[in-house]
Amino acid sequence: MDKNYLYTPGPTPIPPQVAAAMSQPMIGHRGQDFAELHAQIVEKAKQVFQTGNDLFVLTTSGTGGMETAVANTVSPGDRVLALITGNFGERFAKIASTYGAEVTKIEFPWGTAVDMKEVARVWEEQGPFKVVLATHNETSTGVTNDIAALGSFLADTDALLLVDAVSSMGAMDIRTDEWHVDLMVTGSQKALMLPPGLALISVSPKAWPVIEANTGVRFYFSLLEARKSFANYNTPWTPAVSLFYGLDTSLDLILAEGLPQVFRRHARMAAAARAGVKALGMQLLVEDDAIASHTVTAFLPGSEISAGDISKLLKQQMGVTFAGGQGKLKGKLLRIGHMGYCTELDVILAVAALEMTLHKLGVPVELGVGVRAAEKALL
């Protein structure tokens, strides 16, 4: 029997309860049943976001959520500061440029985090900026940035902080309000344990006057339209009703486990993955544990073997799928996703599959060394 093990950092495996929920009979999205479903989803999502701010569920991808954040706050000619630590930071900056912003980029070496000293220096020399773009968890590199420090730095300025938390919301401790994040974005297909198709975005009171005064073009992504419809727990455009059913159930699963327990589970999975990969002689892209993602582990194979060879054999002989590199790391990197519907045992399996694959490819690894290191990290 064929068996597939998905370890990409999105889309991720879906719990059977969520799959069952999405198979419920369709309901009209302009009726009371949907309004009640929508209302309870938003209240649950606010708990995961750790926010009291307005929150909207959009039928679009995570990138659509990022574009929504930009389209509603950036008018042509606005000065935007983009903090880039990987491929998705670059994407955020490209979106802002597309909407006519004057974008100043601070680019940090891939595998490192945002340096607040550099941010302060650029702000002092070139600021102020209307909007600052940041990535909480850079999926392409496995780096987590200190949004709390960035939010504290910007709190007393007029600048809005827009944060991409697509690959971390629901897995890591994200304190939207405490960190002074004005627009926080996530997507459904990562730690929220759904198929692709939904984006969630929270909006602070500080952001609304800017959104209302914005002169940029927007239609489908208008938060003003979303706010108007949400007054009746409706959506301005047709929602993906089945995904809303699934989101309601996935949020129940997260909250039933308890946010502290969810965060600890992801931290443990990351520690196990990092220990196992390192024990096998692979080079972790993020060497500093303090900034390492809890949802994705990125590593570089040794010079004697290619990422493509490893990925191909993993898939063909073991049914295991890792993700490759993106952008400047395409073809050079492998990434193990460990988020959402995933446990410590799943990580042990991923490390074991990698270990066996390396052995089959002739890499001189001691069988069992990776698994033992991963198990030790869990004890």
Protein backbone atom coordinates (compact mmCIF):
# COMPACT_ATOMS: atom_id res chain seq x y z
CA MET A 1 0.00 0.00 0.00
CA ASP A 2 1.35 3.41 -0.96
CA LYS A 3 1.76 5.82 1.91
CA ASN A 4 2.67 9.48 1.60
CA TYR A 5 4.27 11.48 4.39
CA LEU A 6 4.03 15.23 3.84
CA TYR A 7 6.69 17.38 5.49
CA THR A 8 6.39 20.53 3.42
CA PRO A 9 5.95 23.83 5.29
CA GLY A 10 2.58 24.20 3.61
CA PRO A 11 0.30 22.73 2.63
CA THR A 12 0.38 20.51 5.69
CA PRO A 13 -1.52 17.36 6.73
CA ILE A 14 -5.19 17.82 7.61
CA PRO A 15 -6.74 16.22 10.73
CA PRO A 16 -9.59 13.79 9.96
CA GLN A 17 -11.95 15.90 12.07
CA VAL A 18 -11.26 18.88 9.82
CA ALA A 19 -11.71 16.81 6.65
CA ALA A 20 -15.03 15.54 8.00
CA ALA A 21 -16.15 19.06 8.88
CA MET A 22 -15.45 20.26 5.35
CA SER A 23 -17.72 17.55 3.94
CA GLN A 24 -20.82 18.95 5.67
CA PRO A 25 -23.75 19.95 3.45
CA MET A 26 -23.46 23.38 1.85
CA ILE A 27 -25.33 26.30 3.37
CA GLY A 28 -26.24 29.67 1.94
CA HIS A 29 -23.55 32.23 2.73
CA ARG A 30 -26.10 35.04 3.10
CA GLY A 31 -28.18 33.28 5.72
CA GLN A 32 -28.27 33.12 9.51
CA ASP A 33 -26.48 29.76 9.67
CA PHE A 34 -23.40 31.16 7.99
CA ALA A 35 -23.55 34.35 10.05
CA GLU A 36 -23.44 32.31 13.25
CA LEU A 37 -20.60 30.13 11.94
CA HIS A 38 -18.65 33.22 10.88
CA ALA A 39 -19.14 34.92 14.25
CA GLN A 40 -17.86 31.96 16.26
CA ILE A 41 -14.86 31.50 13.95
CA VAL A 42 -13.77 35.10 14.43
CA GLU A 43 -14.01 34.89 18.21
CA LYS A 44 -11.94 31.70 18.25
CA ALA A 45 -9.38 33.12 15.82
CA LYS A 46 -8.91 36.19 18.02
CA GLN A 47 -7.80 33.88 20.83
CA VAL A 48 -5.14 32.31 18.59
CA PHE A 49 -4.01 35.74 17.37
CA GLN A 50 -4.05 36.93 21.00
CA THR A 51 -5.87 40.07 19.93
CA GLY A 52 -8.89 42.17 20.71
CA ASN A 53 -8.59 43.93 17.34
CA ASP A 54 -10.94 43.50 14.40
CA LEU A 55 -10.28 40.27 12.53
CA PHE A 56 -11.38 39.16 9.08
CA VAL A 57 -11.41 35.80 7.31
CA LEU A 58 -10.74 36.25 3.59
CA THR A 59 -11.20 33.75 0.80
CA THR A 60 -7.71 33.99 -0.68
CA SER A 61 -4.20 32.65 -0.14
CA GLY A 62 -1.64 33.84 2.39
CA THR A 63 -0.15 36.03 -0.31
CA GLY A 64 -3.61 37.46 -0.88
CA GLY A 65 -3.67 38.34 2.80
CA MET A 66 -0.30 40.07 2.47
CA GLU A 67 -1.60 42.01 -0.54
CA THR A 68 -4.70 42.97 1.41
CA ALA A 69 -2.53 44.45 4.16
CA VAL A 70 -0.55 46.50 1.64
CA ALA A 71 -3.46 47.50 -0.61
CA ASN A 72 -5.35 49.02 2.30
CA THR A 73 -2.50 50.99 3.86
CA VAL A 74 -0.21 52.00 1.01
CA SER A 75 -1.06 54.82 -1.39
CA PRO A 76 1.13 55.58 -4.43
CA GLY A 77 4.29 57.40 -3.36
CA ASP A 78 4.14 56.32 0.29
CA ARG A 79 7.45 55.52 1.94
CA VAL A 80 7.66 51.89 3.04
CA LEU A 81 10.44 50.10 4.93
CA ALA A 82 10.78 46.39 4.07
CA LEU A 83 12.80 44.11 6.35
CA ILE A 84 13.96 41.14 4.29
CA THR A 85 15.37 37.88 5.68
CA GLY A 86 14.28 35.56 2.87
CA ASN A 87 12.02 34.91 -0.08
CA PHE A 88 8.77 35.93 1.58
CA GLY A 89 10.23 39.18 2.88
CA GLU A 90 11.15 39.89 -0.73
CA ARG A 91 7.59 39.07 -1.77
CA PHE A 92 6.15 41.56 0.74
CA ALA A 93 8.43 44.27 -0.67
CA LYS A 94 7.41 43.42 -4.26
CA ILE A 95 3.74 43.75 -3.36
CA ALA A 96 4.36 47.21 -1.90
CA SER A 97 6.29 48.27 -5.00
CA THR A 98 3.41 47.05 -7.18
CA TYR A 99 1.08 49.39 -5.31
CA GLY A 100 3.31 52.34 -6.05
CA ALA A 101 5.19 52.60 -2.79
CA GLU A 102 8.66 54.05 -2.48
CA VAL A 103 10.25 51.01 -0.87
CA THR A 104 13.45 51.12 1.17
CA LYS A 105 14.82 47.62 1.73
CA ILE A 106 17.03 46.37 4.53
CA GLU A 107 18.29 42.98 3.41
CA PHE A 108 19.83 40.63 5.94
CA PRO A 109 21.85 37.50 5.02
CA TRP A 110 19.57 34.52 4.51
CA GLY A 111 19.72 32.38 7.63
CA THR A 112 19.98 35.41 9.94
CA ALA A 113 17.31 37.51 11.62
CA VAL A 114 16.44 41.19 11.53
CA ASP A 115 19.07 43.25 13.36
CA MET A 116 17.29 45.96 15.31
CA LYS A 117 20.45 48.08 15.46
CA GLU A 118 20.43 48.26 11.66
CA VAL A 119 16.73 49.09 11.65
CA ALA A 120 17.33 51.92 14.13
CA ARG A 121 20.22 53.23 12.03
CA VAL A 122 18.20 53.30 8.81
CA TRP A 123 15.25 54.86 10.59
CA GLU A 124 17.46 57.59 12.00
CA GLU A 125 19.12 58.30 8.65
CA GLN A 126 16.23 57.79 6.23
CA GLY A 127 13.00 57.73 8.23
CA PRO A 128 10.29 58.15 9.06
CA PHE A 129 8.28 55.63 7.02
CA LYS A 130 4.53 55.24 6.76
CA VAL A 131 4.53 51.44 6.78
CA VAL A 132 7.01 48.78 7.91
CA LEU A 133 6.83 45.27 6.45
CA ALA A 134 8.17 42.31 8.41
CA THR A 135 8.04 38.52 8.33
CA HIS A 136 7.58 36.78 11.66
CA ASN A 137 8.62 33.32 10.50
CA GLU A 138 10.55 33.25 7.22
CA THR A 139 9.52 29.95 5.66
CA SER A 140 12.25 29.97 3.04
CA THR A 141 15.07 29.99 5.59
CA GLY A 142 13.62 28.78 8.90
CA VAL A 143 14.33 32.08 10.70
CA THR A 144 12.03 33.68 13.27
CA ASN A 145 12.25 37.45 13.67
CA ASP A 146 11.74 39.37 16.91
CA ILE A 147 8.47 41.15 16.18
CA ALA A 148 8.10 42.16 19.82
CA ALA A 149 11.27 44.27 19.62
CA LEU A 150 10.24 45.75 16.28
CA GLY A 151 6.77 46.60 17.54
CA SER A 152 8.17 48.24 20.65
CA PHE A 153 10.50 50.34 18.48
CA LEU A 154 7.61 51.53 16.29
CA ALA A 155 4.93 51.88 18.96
CA ASP A 156 5.40 55.60 19.56
CA THR A 157 5.73 56.47 15.87
CA ASP A 158 3.00 57.02 13.29
CA ALA A 159 4.23 54.05 11.25
CA LEU A 160 2.05 50.99 10.80
CA LEU A 161 3.59 47.55 11.35
CA LEU A 162 2.42 44.89 8.88
CA VAL A 163 3.47 41.32 9.72
CA ASP A 164 3.40 38.11 7.71
CA ALA A 165 2.73 35.29 10.17
CA VAL A 166 1.55 32.84 7.52
CA SER A 167 3.82 30.00 8.63
CA SER A 168 3.72 30.56 12.39
CA MET A 169 0.24 31.58 13.54
CA GLY A 170 -1.29 28.68 15.45
CA ALA A 171 2.10 27.16 16.21
CA MET A 172 4.16 29.86 17.91
CA ASP A 173 3.45 32.38 20.66
CA ILE A 174 2.31 35.45 18.68
CA ARG A 175 1.03 38.32 20.81
CA THR A 176 -0.54 40.59 18.25
CA ASP A 177 -1.68 43.37 20.56
CA GLU A 178 1.19 43.21 23.02
CA TRP A 179 3.66 43.42 20.12
CA HIS A 180 1.90 46.47 18.63
CA VAL A 181 1.20 44.79 15.28
CA ASP A 182 -1.25 46.81 13.21
CA LEU A 183 -2.06 44.27 10.50
CA MET A 184 -1.24 40.62 11.23
CA VAL A 185 -1.68 38.14 8.39
CA THR A 186 -1.81 34.36 8.26
CA GLY A 187 -2.98 31.63 5.90
CA SER A 188 -5.01 28.47 6.28
CA GLN A 189 -2.65 25.82 4.89
CA LYS A 190 0.09 25.92 7.52
CA ALA A 191 -0.34 25.51 11.28
CA LEU A 192 -4.09 26.10 11.03
CA MET A 193 -4.31 22.63 9.43
CA LEU A 194 -6.52 23.40 6.43
CA PRO A 195 -6.16 23.26 2.65
CA PRO A 196 -5.03 26.49 0.98
CA GLY A 197 -7.73 29.07 0.36
CA LEU A 198 -8.22 31.28 3.42
CA ALA A 199 -6.28 34.20 4.84
CA LEU A 200 -6.91 35.79 8.22
CA ILE A 201 -5.99 39.38 9.01
CA SER A 202 -6.31 41.47 12.17
CA VAL A 203 -6.51 45.26 12.06
CA SER A 204 -5.61 47.61 14.91
CA PRO A 205 -7.46 50.83 15.82
CA LYS A 206 -4.31 52.74 14.81
CA ALA A 207 -4.59 51.34 11.29
CA TRP A 208 -8.20 52.23 10.52
CA PRO A 209 -7.72 56.01 9.93
CA VAL A 210 -4.89 55.18 7.50
CA ILE A 211 -7.06 52.62 5.71
CA GLU A 212 -9.93 55.09 5.46
CA ALA A 213 -7.67 57.80 4.02
CA ASN A 214 -5.85 55.48 1.61
CA THR A 215 -6.10 56.53 -2.04
CA GLY A 216 -4.75 53.30 -3.50
CA VAL A 217 -6.88 51.09 -5.75
CA ARG A 218 -8.61 48.11 -4.14
CA PHE A 219 -11.77 46.14 -4.75
CA TYR A 220 -11.75 42.45 -3.81
CA PHE A 221 -9.15 43.14 -1.10
CA SER A 222 -10.94 46.12 0.47
CA LEU A 223 -10.96 45.98 4.26
CA LEU A 224 -13.54 48.76 4.31
CA GLU A 225 -15.92 46.46 2.46
CA ALA A 226 -14.99 43.59 4.77
CA ARG A 227 -15.73 45.75 7.83
CA LYS A 228 -19.06 46.88 6.40
CA SER A 229 -20.19 43.32 5.70
CA PHE A 230 -18.84 41.99 8.98
CA ALA A 231 -21.30 44.21 10.86
CA ASN A 232 -23.81 41.50 9.94
CA TYR A 233 -21.23 38.69 10.22
CA ASN A 234 -21.19 38.48 6.47
CA THR A 235 -18.50 38.72 3.81
CA PRO A 236 -18.46 41.19 0.91
CA TRP A 237 -17.76 38.46 -1.65
CA THR A 238 -18.57 34.75 -1.84
CA PRO A 239 -16.67 32.88 0.91
CA ALA A 240 -15.26 29.36 0.70
CA VAL A 241 -17.96 27.91 2.93
CA SER A 242 -16.43 24.44 3.23
CA LEU A 243 -13.13 25.94 4.37
CA PHE A 244 -14.98 27.99 6.98
CA TYR A 245 -16.43 24.73 8.34
CA GLY A 246 -12.92 23.30 8.47
CA LEU A 247 -11.48 26.41 10.12
CA ASP A 248 -14.11 26.28 12.83
CA THR A 249 -13.04 22.73 13.67
CA SER A 250 -9.29 23.33 13.40
CA LEU A 251 -9.55 26.28 15.79
CA ASP A 252 -11.46 24.03 18.19
CA LEU A 253 -8.61 21.52 18.06
CA ILE A 254 -5.98 24.19 18.76
CA LEU A 255 -7.90 25.71 21.64
CA ALA A 256 -8.77 22.30 23.12
CA GLU A 257 -5.08 21.37 23.21
CA GLY A 258 -4.36 24.75 24.76
CA LEU A 259 -2.14 27.43 23.29
CA PRO A 260 0.75 26.88 25.75
CA GLN A 261 0.75 23.16 24.96
CA VAL A 262 0.61 23.83 21.21
CA PHE A 263 3.58 26.17 21.46
CA ARG A 264 5.59 23.67 23.53
CA ARG A 265 4.85 20.86 21.08
CA HIS A 266 6.16 22.87 18.17
CA ALA A 267 9.27 23.92 20.09
CA ARG A 268 9.99 20.27 20.90
CA MET A 269 9.49 19.18 17.29
CA ALA A 270 11.90 21.87 16.11
CA ALA A 271 14.51 20.85 18.66
CA ALA A 272 14.24 17.21 17.58
CA ALA A 273 14.46 18.02 13.87
CA ARG A 274 17.46 20.27 14.34
CA ALA A 275 19.29 17.74 16.52
CA GLY A 276 18.61 14.89 14.11
CA VAL A 277 19.67 16.78 10.99
CA LYS A 278 22.83 18.06 12.65
CA ALA A 279 23.79 14.60 13.89
CA LEU A 280 23.60 13.34 10.30
CA GLY A 281 26.27 15.81 9.26
CA MET A 282 23.95 18.22 7.49
CA GLN A 283 24.50 21.97 7.87
CA LEU A 284 21.63 23.85 9.49
CA LEU A 285 20.99 27.09 7.63
CA VAL A 286 20.04 28.76 10.92
CA GLU A 287 22.80 27.95 13.36
CA ASP A 288 21.48 30.02 16.28
CA ASP A 289 18.80 28.13 18.21
CA ALA A 290 17.43 31.43 19.54
CA ILE A 291 16.19 32.52 16.10
CA ALA A 292 15.36 29.09 14.67
CA SER A 293 11.81 28.54 13.48
CA HIS A 294 9.59 26.16 15.42
CA THR A 295 7.68 25.19 12.28
CA VAL A 296 10.32 24.53 9.60
CA THR A 297 13.92 23.32 9.66
CA ALA A 298 16.16 24.24 6.71
CA PHE A 299 19.44 22.46 6.01
CA LEU A 300 22.17 22.21 3.39
CA PRO A 301 23.45 18.77 2.37
CA GLY A 302 27.16 18.13 2.36
CA SER A 303 29.25 18.66 -0.74
CA GLU A 304 29.15 14.96 -1.66
CA ILE A 305 25.38 14.84 -2.27
CA SER A 306 22.77 17.16 -3.76
CA ALA A 307 19.48 18.32 -2.30
CA GLY A 308 17.75 17.08 -5.45
CA ASP A 309 19.12 13.55 -5.08
CA ILE A 310 17.95 13.36 -1.47
CA SER A 311 14.51 14.75 -2.28
CA LYS A 312 14.02 12.40 -5.22
CA LEU A 313 14.93 9.24 -3.32
CA LEU A 314 12.89 10.25 -0.27
CA LYS A 315 9.82 10.62 -2.45
CA GLN A 316 10.30 7.62 -4.72
CA GLN A 317 11.32 4.97 -2.20
CA MET A 318 9.77 6.15 1.06
CA GLY A 319 6.83 8.35 0.12
CA VAL A 320 8.35 11.20 2.13
CA THR A 321 8.14 14.75 0.81
CA PHE A 322 10.47 17.50 2.01
CA ALA A 323 10.42 20.99 0.49
CA GLY A 324 13.25 22.39 -1.57
CA GLY A 325 14.89 25.79 -1.43
CA GLN A 326 13.38 29.00 -2.78
CA GLY A 327 14.83 32.06 -4.44
CA LYS A 328 18.61 32.19 -4.22
CA LEU A 329 18.59 28.87 -2.35
CA LYS A 330 16.64 26.95 -4.97
CA GLY A 331 18.28 23.58 -5.59
CA LYS A 332 20.66 24.02 -2.65
CA LEU A 333 18.43 23.54 0.36
CA LEU A 334 15.94 21.12 1.92
CA ARG A 335 13.25 22.10 4.38
CA ILE A 336 11.34 19.89 6.82
CA GLY A 337 7.96 21.25 7.84
CA HIS A 338 6.76 20.32 11.31
CA MET A 339 3.64 22.27 12.13
CA GLY A 340 -0.05 21.85 12.75
CA TYR A 341 -1.25 18.24 12.60
CA CYS A 342 2.18 16.88 13.47
CA THR A 343 3.72 15.25 16.52
CA GLU A 344 7.16 14.47 17.91
CA LEU A 345 6.87 10.94 16.48
CA ASP A 346 6.32 12.39 13.00
CA VAL A 347 9.61 14.25 13.33
CA ILE A 348 11.40 11.06 14.38
CA LEU A 349 10.02 9.41 11.24
CA ALA A 350 11.27 12.30 9.07
CA VAL A 351 14.76 12.06 10.55
CA ALA A 352 14.77 8.27 10.12
CA ALA A 353 13.75 8.60 6.48
CA LEU A 354 16.52 11.14 5.89
CA GLU A 355 19.03 8.88 7.60
CA MET A 356 18.05 5.87 5.50
CA THR A 357 18.11 7.93 2.31
CA LEU A 358 21.60 9.24 2.99
CA HIS A 359 22.77 5.68 3.61
CA LYS A 360 21.22 4.49 0.33
CA LEU A 361 22.99 7.32 -1.49
CA GLY A 362 26.33 6.21 -0.11
CA VAL A 363 26.82 8.95 2.43
CA PRO A 364 28.87 7.52 5.35
CA VAL A 365 26.35 7.94 8.16
CA GLU A 366 26.00 5.72 11.19
CA LEU A 367 22.51 4.26 11.09
CA GLY A 368 20.57 5.34 14.15
CA VAL A 369 22.68 8.39 14.97
CA GLY A 370 20.13 10.89 13.69
CA VAL A 371 17.17 9.22 15.36
CA ARG A 372 19.03 8.93 18.67
CA ALA A 373 19.92 12.62 18.58
CA ALA A 374 16.32 13.57 17.82
CA GLU A 375 15.00 11.33 20.60
CA LYS A 376 17.52 12.79 23.06
CA ALA A 377 16.29 16.29 22.25
CA LEU A 378 12.80 15.19 23.25
CA LEU A 379 13.79 13.68 26.62
